[in-house]
Amino acid sequence: TIEAWIRPSSLDGNYHSFISQWGNLNDRNFEFDLRGDAGNAFRFYQNFNGTTRSITSETVAKDDEWHHLAFVRDGNTGKLFVNGVLEAINTSWSGTPNNSSTTVTIGGYGATPSAGAGAWYGWIQDLRIYNGVAKYRTGFKVPNHFNSSGHSAWQAVADTPVNNFATLNEYFATPVIVGAYS
């Protein structure tokens, strides 16, 4: 399971990854992104030794709107949840994912993200990865996102290992990770 709260601040028709492990052609594992070429839908994409599987949401992003996203692999089934609603199922999610040596990247695409297509513009909160756990199997009540009272209140709380936030600061021209990860 991979889940996060995301809030895009720029929808420009390109794809924008908020987490990926996607290197050169033969060194790719997964990418979780917003697809500008698909009407700004959310997509999870994974490589299984040369065979690619993907799953795309019905919900589309809007600038400055929070969404809770979760991708769950439950046996041979991939499930994509948006705001607690099961939006897409792919029943051919079988096999072993690529064992990529590329670094997992938060806020971009590939091991060395740069500004432009692929880079994430916006906020990421409460990013969590669960290895071997299908956390959600059916629709669920979405947890309250941390920023319910606005961006200024959110900035006032320091990121710590206790908070477990992985937050992208959109005020840098190039994606820069700030906060703590444990």
N, C-alpha and C. Protein backbone atom coordinates (compact mmCIF):
# COMPACT_ATOMS: atom_id res chain seq x y z
N THR A 1 0.84 -1.19 0.00
CA THR A 1 0.00 0.00 0.00
C THR A 1 0.88 1.24 0.00
N ILE A 2 0.56 2.18 -0.86
CA ILE A 2 1.17 3.51 -0.86
C ILE A 2 0.02 4.49 -0.75
N GLU A 3 0.09 5.40 0.25
CA GLU A 3 -0.97 6.38 0.39
C GLU A 3 -0.38 7.73 0.76
N ALA A 4 -1.11 8.79 0.42
CA ALA A 4 -0.67 10.15 0.74
C ALA A 4 -1.83 11.12 0.54
N TRP A 5 -1.71 12.26 1.19
CA TRP A 5 -2.52 13.42 0.86
C TRP A 5 -1.71 14.23 -0.13
N ILE A 6 -2.33 14.64 -1.24
CA ILE A 6 -1.63 15.47 -2.21
C ILE A 6 -2.52 16.66 -2.58
N ARG A 7 -1.85 17.75 -2.91
CA ARG A 7 -2.55 18.97 -3.33
C ARG A 7 -1.74 19.63 -4.43
N PRO A 8 -2.13 19.44 -5.69
CA PRO A 8 -1.37 20.05 -6.78
C PRO A 8 -1.60 21.56 -6.82
N SER A 9 -0.54 22.31 -7.14
CA SER A 9 -0.68 23.75 -7.26
C SER A 9 -0.55 24.23 -8.70
N SER A 10 -0.27 23.30 -9.61
CA SER A 10 -0.14 23.67 -11.02
C SER A 10 -0.58 22.50 -11.89
N LEU A 11 -1.58 22.73 -12.71
CA LEU A 11 -2.04 21.73 -13.68
C LEU A 11 -1.74 22.29 -15.07
N ASP A 12 -0.69 21.77 -15.69
CA ASP A 12 -0.23 22.35 -16.95
C ASP A 12 -0.29 21.40 -18.14
N GLY A 13 -0.99 20.27 -17.98
CA GLY A 13 -1.11 19.34 -19.10
C GLY A 13 -0.02 18.28 -19.14
N ASN A 14 0.99 18.37 -18.26
CA ASN A 14 2.05 17.37 -18.19
C ASN A 14 1.75 16.36 -17.09
N TYR A 15 2.54 15.31 -17.03
CA TYR A 15 2.44 14.38 -15.91
C TYR A 15 3.32 14.91 -14.78
N HIS A 16 2.92 14.64 -13.54
CA HIS A 16 3.66 15.10 -12.37
C HIS A 16 3.63 14.00 -11.31
N SER A 17 4.78 13.44 -11.01
CA SER A 17 4.89 12.33 -10.06
C SER A 17 5.06 12.84 -8.65
N PHE A 18 4.30 12.27 -7.71
CA PHE A 18 4.56 12.65 -6.33
C PHE A 18 5.42 11.61 -5.62
N ILE A 19 5.51 10.39 -6.15
CA ILE A 19 6.47 9.41 -5.66
C ILE A 19 6.76 8.43 -6.80
N SER A 20 8.03 8.04 -6.94
CA SER A 20 8.38 7.11 -8.00
C SER A 20 9.66 6.36 -7.65
N GLN A 21 9.83 5.24 -8.31
CA GLN A 21 11.09 4.51 -8.34
C GLN A 21 11.24 4.09 -9.80
N TRP A 22 11.68 5.04 -10.60
CA TRP A 22 11.61 4.89 -12.05
C TRP A 22 12.90 5.38 -12.67
N GLY A 23 13.78 4.46 -13.02
CA GLY A 23 15.07 4.82 -13.60
C GLY A 23 15.09 4.62 -15.09
N ASN A 24 16.21 4.14 -15.61
CA ASN A 24 16.35 3.86 -17.03
C ASN A 24 15.43 2.72 -17.43
N LEU A 25 15.36 2.44 -18.71
CA LEU A 25 14.41 1.49 -19.28
C LEU A 25 14.30 0.18 -18.51
N ASN A 26 15.41 -0.43 -18.14
CA ASN A 26 15.36 -1.73 -17.45
C ASN A 26 15.46 -1.62 -15.94
N ASP A 27 15.35 -0.43 -15.40
CA ASP A 27 15.48 -0.22 -13.96
C ASP A 27 14.30 0.58 -13.42
N ARG A 28 13.11 0.07 -13.69
CA ARG A 28 11.88 0.77 -13.30
C ARG A 28 11.03 -0.13 -12.41
N ASN A 29 10.46 0.47 -11.36
CA ASN A 29 9.55 -0.27 -10.51
C ASN A 29 8.16 0.36 -10.55
N PHE A 30 7.98 1.57 -9.97
CA PHE A 30 6.63 2.16 -9.91
C PHE A 30 6.68 3.68 -10.04
N GLU A 31 5.50 4.23 -10.34
CA GLU A 31 5.31 5.68 -10.36
C GLU A 31 3.85 5.97 -9.98
N PHE A 32 3.64 6.95 -9.10
CA PHE A 32 2.30 7.39 -8.71
C PHE A 32 2.23 8.85 -9.13
N ASP A 33 1.34 9.18 -10.04
CA ASP A 33 1.37 10.52 -10.63
C ASP A 33 0.01 11.08 -10.96
N LEU A 34 0.03 12.32 -11.40
CA LEU A 34 -1.12 13.03 -11.92
C LEU A 34 -0.88 13.13 -13.42
N ARG A 35 -1.84 12.68 -14.21
CA ARG A 35 -1.66 12.61 -15.67
C ARG A 35 -2.34 13.77 -16.36
N GLY A 36 -1.56 14.77 -16.74
CA GLY A 36 -2.10 15.90 -17.48
C GLY A 36 -2.66 15.49 -18.83
N ASP A 37 -2.04 14.45 -19.43
CA ASP A 37 -2.51 13.98 -20.73
C ASP A 37 -3.76 13.11 -20.63
N ALA A 38 -4.23 12.87 -19.41
CA ALA A 38 -5.45 12.09 -19.19
C ALA A 38 -6.46 12.92 -18.40
N GLY A 39 -6.50 14.22 -18.67
CA GLY A 39 -7.46 15.10 -18.02
C GLY A 39 -7.18 15.35 -16.56
N ASN A 40 -5.93 15.16 -16.12
CA ASN A 40 -5.50 15.35 -14.74
C ASN A 40 -6.03 14.28 -13.79
N ALA A 41 -6.19 13.06 -14.31
CA ALA A 41 -6.54 11.92 -13.48
C ALA A 41 -5.29 11.44 -12.74
N PHE A 42 -5.49 10.65 -11.69
CA PHE A 42 -4.39 10.07 -10.93
C PHE A 42 -4.10 8.68 -11.46
N ARG A 43 -2.81 8.30 -11.46
CA ARG A 43 -2.45 6.99 -12.01
C ARG A 43 -1.33 6.36 -11.18
N PHE A 44 -1.46 5.02 -11.02
CA PHE A 44 -0.36 4.24 -10.46
C PHE A 44 0.09 3.29 -11.56
N TYR A 45 1.40 3.21 -11.73
CA TYR A 45 2.01 2.51 -12.87
C TYR A 45 3.12 1.64 -12.31
N GLN A 46 3.18 0.36 -12.69
CA GLN A 46 4.22 -0.52 -12.15
C GLN A 46 4.74 -1.47 -13.22
N ASN A 47 6.04 -1.77 -13.13
CA ASN A 47 6.70 -2.62 -14.10
C ASN A 47 6.99 -3.98 -13.47
N PHE A 48 6.63 -5.05 -14.18
CA PHE A 48 6.86 -6.43 -13.75
C PHE A 48 7.74 -7.11 -14.79
N ASN A 49 9.06 -6.95 -14.67
CA ASN A 49 10.01 -7.59 -15.59
C ASN A 49 9.62 -7.39 -17.05
N GLY A 50 9.40 -6.13 -17.43
CA GLY A 50 9.10 -5.80 -18.81
C GLY A 50 7.62 -5.66 -19.13
N THR A 51 6.75 -6.14 -18.26
CA THR A 51 5.31 -5.99 -18.46
C THR A 51 4.82 -4.88 -17.55
N THR A 52 4.18 -3.89 -18.13
CA THR A 52 3.73 -2.74 -17.36
C THR A 52 2.24 -2.85 -17.09
N ARG A 53 1.88 -2.52 -15.86
CA ARG A 53 0.47 -2.48 -15.47
C ARG A 53 0.17 -1.09 -14.94
N SER A 54 -1.02 -0.58 -15.25
CA SER A 54 -1.39 0.74 -14.75
C SER A 54 -2.85 0.75 -14.34
N ILE A 55 -3.17 1.72 -13.52
CA ILE A 55 -4.53 1.89 -13.03
C ILE A 55 -4.77 3.39 -12.89
N THR A 56 -5.91 3.88 -13.41
CA THR A 56 -6.18 5.31 -13.50
C THR A 56 -7.52 5.64 -12.83
N SER A 57 -7.56 6.77 -12.13
CA SER A 57 -8.77 7.19 -11.42
C SER A 57 -9.80 7.80 -12.35
N GLU A 58 -11.03 7.86 -11.86
CA GLU A 58 -12.08 8.62 -12.53
C GLU A 58 -12.02 10.07 -12.09
N THR A 59 -11.67 10.29 -10.84
CA THR A 59 -11.56 11.64 -10.29
C THR A 59 -10.40 12.36 -10.94
N VAL A 60 -10.58 13.64 -11.23
CA VAL A 60 -9.50 14.46 -11.77
C VAL A 60 -9.14 15.54 -10.75
N ALA A 61 -7.88 15.92 -10.78
CA ALA A 61 -7.36 16.93 -9.84
C ALA A 61 -7.81 18.32 -10.26
N LYS A 62 -7.88 19.18 -9.27
CA LYS A 62 -8.09 20.61 -9.48
C LYS A 62 -7.00 21.33 -8.72
N ASP A 63 -6.55 22.48 -9.24
CA ASP A 63 -5.53 23.26 -8.53
C ASP A 63 -5.97 23.54 -7.10
N ASP A 64 -5.02 23.39 -6.18
CA ASP A 64 -5.20 23.75 -4.77
C ASP A 64 -6.34 22.99 -4.09
N GLU A 65 -6.57 21.75 -4.47
CA GLU A 65 -7.57 20.90 -3.82
C GLU A 65 -6.89 19.66 -3.28
N TRP A 66 -7.15 19.33 -2.02
CA TRP A 66 -6.55 18.15 -1.39
C TRP A 66 -7.26 16.88 -1.82
N HIS A 67 -6.48 15.82 -2.02
CA HIS A 67 -7.01 14.48 -2.31
C HIS A 67 -6.22 13.47 -1.50
N HIS A 68 -6.92 12.49 -0.94
CA HIS A 68 -6.24 11.35 -0.32
C HIS A 68 -6.20 10.26 -1.38
N LEU A 69 -4.98 9.78 -1.69
CA LEU A 69 -4.81 8.73 -2.69
C LEU A 69 -4.22 7.50 -2.03
N ALA A 70 -4.65 6.34 -2.47
CA ALA A 70 -4.07 5.09 -1.99
C ALA A 70 -4.07 4.07 -3.12
N PHE A 71 -2.91 3.45 -3.34
CA PHE A 71 -2.82 2.30 -4.22
C PHE A 71 -2.58 1.09 -3.33
N VAL A 72 -3.36 0.03 -3.56
CA VAL A 72 -3.24 -1.19 -2.76
C VAL A 72 -3.10 -2.38 -3.70
N ARG A 73 -2.10 -3.21 -3.43
CA ARG A 73 -2.02 -4.50 -4.12
C ARG A 73 -2.54 -5.54 -3.15
N ASP A 74 -3.63 -6.20 -3.53
CA ASP A 74 -4.28 -7.22 -2.72
C ASP A 74 -4.25 -8.52 -3.52
N GLY A 75 -3.22 -9.35 -3.27
CA GLY A 75 -3.02 -10.56 -4.06
C GLY A 75 -2.64 -10.18 -5.48
N ASN A 76 -3.43 -10.62 -6.46
CA ASN A 76 -3.18 -10.30 -7.87
C ASN A 76 -4.04 -9.15 -8.37
N THR A 77 -4.57 -8.35 -7.44
CA THR A 77 -5.45 -7.25 -7.79
C THR A 77 -4.85 -5.93 -7.34
N GLY A 78 -4.80 -4.95 -8.25
CA GLY A 78 -4.40 -3.59 -7.91
C GLY A 78 -5.65 -2.75 -7.74
N LYS A 79 -5.69 -1.92 -6.69
CA LYS A 79 -6.85 -1.08 -6.41
C LYS A 79 -6.39 0.35 -6.20
N LEU A 80 -7.13 1.29 -6.79
CA LEU A 80 -6.84 2.71 -6.63
C LEU A 80 -8.01 3.38 -5.93
N PHE A 81 -7.71 4.02 -4.80
CA PHE A 81 -8.71 4.72 -4.00
C PHE A 81 -8.43 6.21 -4.07
N VAL A 82 -9.48 7.01 -4.26
CA VAL A 82 -9.38 8.46 -4.20
C VAL A 82 -10.40 8.94 -3.18
N ASN A 83 -9.92 9.62 -2.15
CA ASN A 83 -10.77 10.12 -1.07
C ASN A 83 -11.62 9.02 -0.45
N GLY A 84 -11.04 7.83 -0.31
CA GLY A 84 -11.71 6.71 0.33
C GLY A 84 -12.61 5.89 -0.58
N VAL A 85 -12.78 6.32 -1.82
CA VAL A 85 -13.66 5.62 -2.76
C VAL A 85 -12.81 4.74 -3.68
N LEU A 86 -13.18 3.47 -3.78
CA LEU A 86 -12.51 2.55 -4.70
C LEU A 86 -12.92 2.94 -6.11
N GLU A 87 -11.98 3.50 -6.88
CA GLU A 87 -12.30 4.03 -8.21
C GLU A 87 -11.89 3.14 -9.35
N ALA A 88 -10.88 2.31 -9.14
CA ALA A 88 -10.41 1.47 -10.25
C ALA A 88 -9.82 0.18 -9.71
N ILE A 89 -10.02 -0.89 -10.47
CA ILE A 89 -9.50 -2.22 -10.12
C ILE A 89 -8.83 -2.80 -11.35
N ASN A 90 -7.66 -3.40 -11.16
CA ASN A 90 -6.98 -4.13 -12.22
C ASN A 90 -6.69 -5.52 -11.66
N THR A 91 -7.34 -6.54 -12.22
CA THR A 91 -7.22 -7.90 -11.68
C THR A 91 -6.04 -8.68 -12.27
N SER A 92 -5.19 -8.01 -13.04
CA SER A 92 -4.03 -8.72 -13.59
C SER A 92 -2.73 -8.17 -12.98
N TRP A 93 -2.73 -7.85 -11.70
CA TRP A 93 -1.57 -7.29 -11.01
C TRP A 93 -0.74 -8.42 -10.41
N SER A 94 -0.37 -9.38 -11.23
CA SER A 94 0.34 -10.56 -10.74
C SER A 94 1.81 -10.49 -11.11
N GLY A 95 2.60 -11.30 -10.43
CA GLY A 95 4.02 -11.36 -10.71
C GLY A 95 4.82 -10.60 -9.67
N THR A 96 6.12 -10.55 -9.93
CA THR A 96 7.05 -9.87 -9.03
C THR A 96 7.47 -8.55 -9.66
N PRO A 97 7.27 -7.44 -8.95
CA PRO A 97 7.71 -6.15 -9.50
C PRO A 97 9.22 -6.13 -9.71
N ASN A 98 9.65 -5.28 -10.64
CA ASN A 98 11.09 -5.12 -10.86
C ASN A 98 11.79 -4.79 -9.56
N ASN A 99 12.97 -5.32 -9.39
CA ASN A 99 13.81 -5.01 -8.25
C ASN A 99 14.74 -3.87 -8.67
N SER A 100 14.22 -2.66 -8.65
CA SER A 100 14.94 -1.50 -9.16
C SER A 100 16.02 -1.05 -8.18
N SER A 101 17.15 -0.64 -8.73
CA SER A 101 18.21 -0.06 -7.90
C SER A 101 18.09 1.46 -7.84
N THR A 102 17.11 2.02 -8.54
CA THR A 102 16.90 3.47 -8.52
C THR A 102 16.34 3.89 -7.17
N THR A 103 16.77 5.04 -6.69
CA THR A 103 16.28 5.60 -5.43
C THR A 103 14.80 5.91 -5.54
N VAL A 104 14.05 5.66 -4.47
CA VAL A 104 12.66 6.11 -4.41
C VAL A 104 12.69 7.63 -4.30
N THR A 105 11.96 8.29 -5.18
CA THR A 105 11.97 9.74 -5.25
C THR A 105 10.62 10.30 -4.83
N ILE A 106 10.62 11.20 -3.89
CA ILE A 106 9.41 11.90 -3.47
C ILE A 106 9.43 13.27 -4.13
N GLY A 107 8.40 13.59 -4.89
CA GLY A 107 8.31 14.89 -5.53
C GLY A 107 8.88 14.93 -6.93
N GLY A 108 8.96 13.78 -7.59
CA GLY A 108 9.48 13.80 -8.94
C GLY A 108 9.55 12.43 -9.57
N TYR A 109 10.15 12.41 -10.73
CA TYR A 109 10.23 11.23 -11.59
C TYR A 109 11.69 10.89 -11.78
N GLY A 110 12.07 9.67 -11.48
CA GLY A 110 13.45 9.25 -11.67
C GLY A 110 14.32 9.61 -10.48
N ALA A 111 15.57 9.19 -10.56
CA ALA A 111 16.48 9.35 -9.43
C ALA A 111 16.92 10.80 -9.22
N THR A 112 16.89 11.62 -10.26
CA THR A 112 17.31 13.01 -10.12
C THR A 112 16.24 13.92 -10.72
N PRO A 113 15.17 14.18 -9.97
CA PRO A 113 14.09 15.00 -10.51
C PRO A 113 14.54 16.42 -10.75
N SER A 114 13.94 17.04 -11.75
CA SER A 114 14.22 18.44 -12.04
C SER A 114 12.90 19.12 -12.34
N ALA A 115 12.93 20.42 -12.42
CA ALA A 115 11.72 21.17 -12.70
C ALA A 115 11.20 20.79 -14.09
N GLY A 116 9.90 20.97 -14.29
CA GLY A 116 9.29 20.68 -15.58
C GLY A 116 8.42 19.45 -15.50
N ALA A 117 8.19 18.81 -16.65
CA ALA A 117 7.36 17.61 -16.71
C ALA A 117 7.96 16.55 -15.78
N GLY A 118 7.12 15.92 -15.02
CA GLY A 118 7.56 14.88 -14.09
C GLY A 118 7.71 15.39 -12.68
N ALA A 119 8.16 16.63 -12.49
CA ALA A 119 8.33 17.19 -11.14
C ALA A 119 6.97 17.50 -10.52
N TRP A 120 6.89 17.34 -9.22
CA TRP A 120 5.64 17.62 -8.51
C TRP A 120 5.61 19.08 -8.10
N TYR A 121 4.50 19.76 -8.36
CA TYR A 121 4.28 21.13 -7.92
C TYR A 121 3.05 21.13 -7.02
N GLY A 122 3.26 21.36 -5.75
CA GLY A 122 2.18 21.34 -4.79
C GLY A 122 2.66 20.78 -3.47
N TRP A 123 1.75 20.22 -2.72
CA TRP A 123 2.04 19.71 -1.40
C TRP A 123 1.82 18.20 -1.34
N ILE A 124 2.59 17.56 -0.48
CA ILE A 124 2.45 16.13 -0.18
C ILE A 124 2.46 16.01 1.33
N GLN A 125 1.50 15.34 1.89
CA GLN A 125 1.44 15.14 3.34
C GLN A 125 1.18 13.68 3.64
N ASP A 126 1.67 13.26 4.79
CA ASP A 126 1.37 11.93 5.35
C ASP A 126 1.59 10.81 4.35
N LEU A 127 2.68 10.86 3.63
CA LEU A 127 3.03 9.81 2.69
C LEU A 127 3.44 8.57 3.48
N ARG A 128 2.84 7.44 3.14
CA ARG A 128 3.15 6.20 3.84
C ARG A 128 3.26 5.06 2.83
N ILE A 129 4.23 4.19 3.07
CA ILE A 129 4.41 2.98 2.25
C ILE A 129 4.37 1.79 3.20
N TYR A 130 3.51 0.84 2.91
CA TYR A 130 3.37 -0.36 3.71
C TYR A 130 3.81 -1.55 2.85
N ASN A 131 4.84 -2.23 3.24
CA ASN A 131 5.34 -3.37 2.49
C ASN A 131 4.58 -4.63 2.90
N GLY A 132 3.93 -5.27 1.94
CA GLY A 132 3.23 -6.52 2.22
C GLY A 132 1.91 -6.37 2.93
N VAL A 133 1.35 -5.15 2.99
CA VAL A 133 0.09 -4.92 3.71
C VAL A 133 -0.92 -4.31 2.74
N ALA A 134 -2.06 -4.99 2.55
CA ALA A 134 -3.18 -4.42 1.78
C ALA A 134 -4.05 -3.68 2.79
N LYS A 135 -3.70 -2.42 3.06
CA LYS A 135 -4.35 -1.66 4.14
C LYS A 135 -5.84 -1.46 3.89
N TYR A 136 -6.22 -1.18 2.66
CA TYR A 136 -7.63 -0.95 2.33
C TYR A 136 -8.06 -2.00 1.31
N ARG A 137 -9.20 -2.62 1.56
CA ARG A 137 -9.72 -3.62 0.61
C ARG A 137 -11.03 -3.16 -0.01
N THR A 138 -11.76 -2.32 0.71
CA THR A 138 -13.00 -1.73 0.21
C THR A 138 -12.94 -0.24 0.52
N GLY A 139 -13.98 0.50 0.12
CA GLY A 139 -14.02 1.93 0.42
C GLY A 139 -13.86 2.16 1.92
N PHE A 140 -13.37 3.32 2.31
CA PHE A 140 -13.10 3.61 3.71
C PHE A 140 -13.32 5.09 3.98
N LYS A 141 -13.49 5.41 5.26
CA LYS A 141 -13.60 6.81 5.66
C LYS A 141 -12.20 7.40 5.65
N VAL A 142 -12.03 8.47 4.90
CA VAL A 142 -10.72 9.10 4.75
C VAL A 142 -10.33 9.78 6.06
N PRO A 143 -9.09 9.57 6.50
CA PRO A 143 -8.63 10.29 7.69
C PRO A 143 -8.58 11.78 7.40
N ASN A 144 -8.77 12.60 8.43
CA ASN A 144 -8.69 14.05 8.25
C ASN A 144 -7.29 14.44 7.85
N HIS A 145 -7.17 15.24 6.81
CA HIS A 145 -5.83 15.68 6.45
C HIS A 145 -5.37 16.77 7.41
N PHE A 146 -4.08 16.85 7.56
CA PHE A 146 -3.47 17.71 8.55
C PHE A 146 -3.76 19.18 8.31
N ASN A 147 -4.05 19.56 7.08
CA ASN A 147 -4.18 20.96 6.71
C ASN A 147 -5.62 21.44 6.69
N SER A 148 -6.45 20.96 7.59
CA SER A 148 -7.86 21.32 7.55
C SER A 148 -8.11 22.79 7.84
N SER A 149 -7.16 23.47 8.51
CA SER A 149 -7.37 24.88 8.84
C SER A 149 -6.54 25.82 7.98
N GLY A 150 -5.95 25.33 6.93
CA GLY A 150 -5.26 26.20 6.01
C GLY A 150 -3.75 26.06 6.05
N HIS A 151 -3.12 26.56 4.99
CA HIS A 151 -1.69 26.40 4.81
C HIS A 151 -0.88 27.08 5.91
N SER A 152 -1.29 28.26 6.37
CA SER A 152 -0.51 28.97 7.39
C SER A 152 -0.50 28.19 8.70
N ALA A 153 -1.62 27.58 9.09
CA ALA A 153 -1.65 26.78 10.31
C ALA A 153 -0.78 25.54 10.15
N TRP A 154 -0.79 24.95 8.96
CA TRP A 154 0.01 23.76 8.70
C TRP A 154 1.50 24.08 8.81
N GLN A 155 1.93 25.25 8.29
CA GLN A 155 3.33 25.61 8.34
C GLN A 155 3.82 25.82 9.77
N ALA A 156 2.91 26.14 10.70
CA ALA A 156 3.29 26.44 12.07
C ALA A 156 3.71 25.20 12.86
N VAL A 157 3.38 24.00 12.38
CA VAL A 157 3.72 22.77 13.08
C VAL A 157 4.97 22.17 12.45
N ALA A 158 6.00 21.99 13.26
CA ALA A 158 7.26 21.46 12.76
C ALA A 158 7.12 19.99 12.36
N ASP A 159 7.78 19.61 11.26
CA ASP A 159 7.83 18.21 10.87
C ASP A 159 8.82 17.49 11.79
N THR A 160 8.40 16.37 12.32
CA THR A 160 9.26 15.56 13.19
C THR A 160 9.04 14.10 12.85
N PRO A 161 9.92 13.21 13.31
CA PRO A 161 9.67 11.79 13.08
C PRO A 161 8.34 11.33 13.69
N VAL A 162 7.89 11.99 14.74
CA VAL A 162 6.60 11.64 15.34
C VAL A 162 5.46 11.97 14.39
N ASN A 163 5.53 13.14 13.74
CA ASN A 163 4.51 13.53 12.78
C ASN A 163 4.55 12.67 11.53
N ASN A 164 5.75 12.20 11.16
CA ASN A 164 5.95 11.34 10.00
C ASN A 164 5.46 11.98 8.71
N PHE A 165 5.80 13.24 8.50
CA PHE A 165 5.40 13.92 7.27
C PHE A 165 6.53 13.86 6.25
N ALA A 166 6.17 13.71 5.00
CA ALA A 166 7.12 13.88 3.90
C ALA A 166 6.49 14.96 3.04
N THR A 167 6.97 16.17 3.14
CA THR A 167 6.30 17.31 2.54
C THR A 167 7.20 17.99 1.52
N LEU A 168 6.64 18.30 0.38
CA LEU A 168 7.39 19.00 -0.65
C LEU A 168 7.12 20.49 -0.51
N ASN A 169 8.16 21.29 -0.48
CA ASN A 169 8.02 22.73 -0.38
C ASN A 169 7.95 23.30 -1.79
N GLU A 170 6.79 23.82 -2.16
CA GLU A 170 6.60 24.31 -3.53
C GLU A 170 7.27 25.64 -3.81
N TYR A 171 7.87 26.26 -2.81
CA TYR A 171 8.44 27.58 -3.02
C TYR A 171 9.85 27.54 -3.61
N PHE A 172 10.40 26.36 -3.81
CA PHE A 172 11.68 26.23 -4.46
C PHE A 172 11.46 25.97 -5.94
N ALA A 173 12.33 26.48 -6.79
CA ALA A 173 12.19 26.27 -8.23
C ALA A 173 12.39 24.81 -8.60
N THR A 174 13.26 24.11 -7.87
CA THR A 174 13.51 22.70 -8.09
C THR A 174 12.94 21.95 -6.90
N PRO A 175 12.31 20.79 -7.10
CA PRO A 175 11.74 20.07 -5.96
C PRO A 175 12.78 19.81 -4.88
N VAL A 176 12.42 20.16 -3.67
CA VAL A 176 13.29 19.94 -2.51
C VAL A 176 12.43 19.33 -1.42
N ILE A 177 12.89 18.24 -0.84
CA ILE A 177 12.14 17.60 0.23
C ILE A 177 12.50 18.28 1.55
N VAL A 178 11.47 18.63 2.32
CA VAL A 178 11.67 19.15 3.65
C VAL A 178 10.89 18.29 4.62
N GLY A 179 11.29 18.24 5.85
CA GLY A 179 10.57 17.46 6.83
C GLY A 179 11.32 16.19 7.19
N ALA A 180 10.64 15.30 7.85
CA ALA A 180 11.28 14.11 8.38
C ALA A 180 10.65 12.86 7.78
N TYR A 181 11.46 11.86 7.64
CA TYR A 181 10.99 10.56 7.17
C TYR A 181 11.58 9.51 8.07
N SER A 182 10.76 8.61 8.55
CA SER A 182 11.28 7.54 9.40
C SER A 182 10.67 6.22 9.02
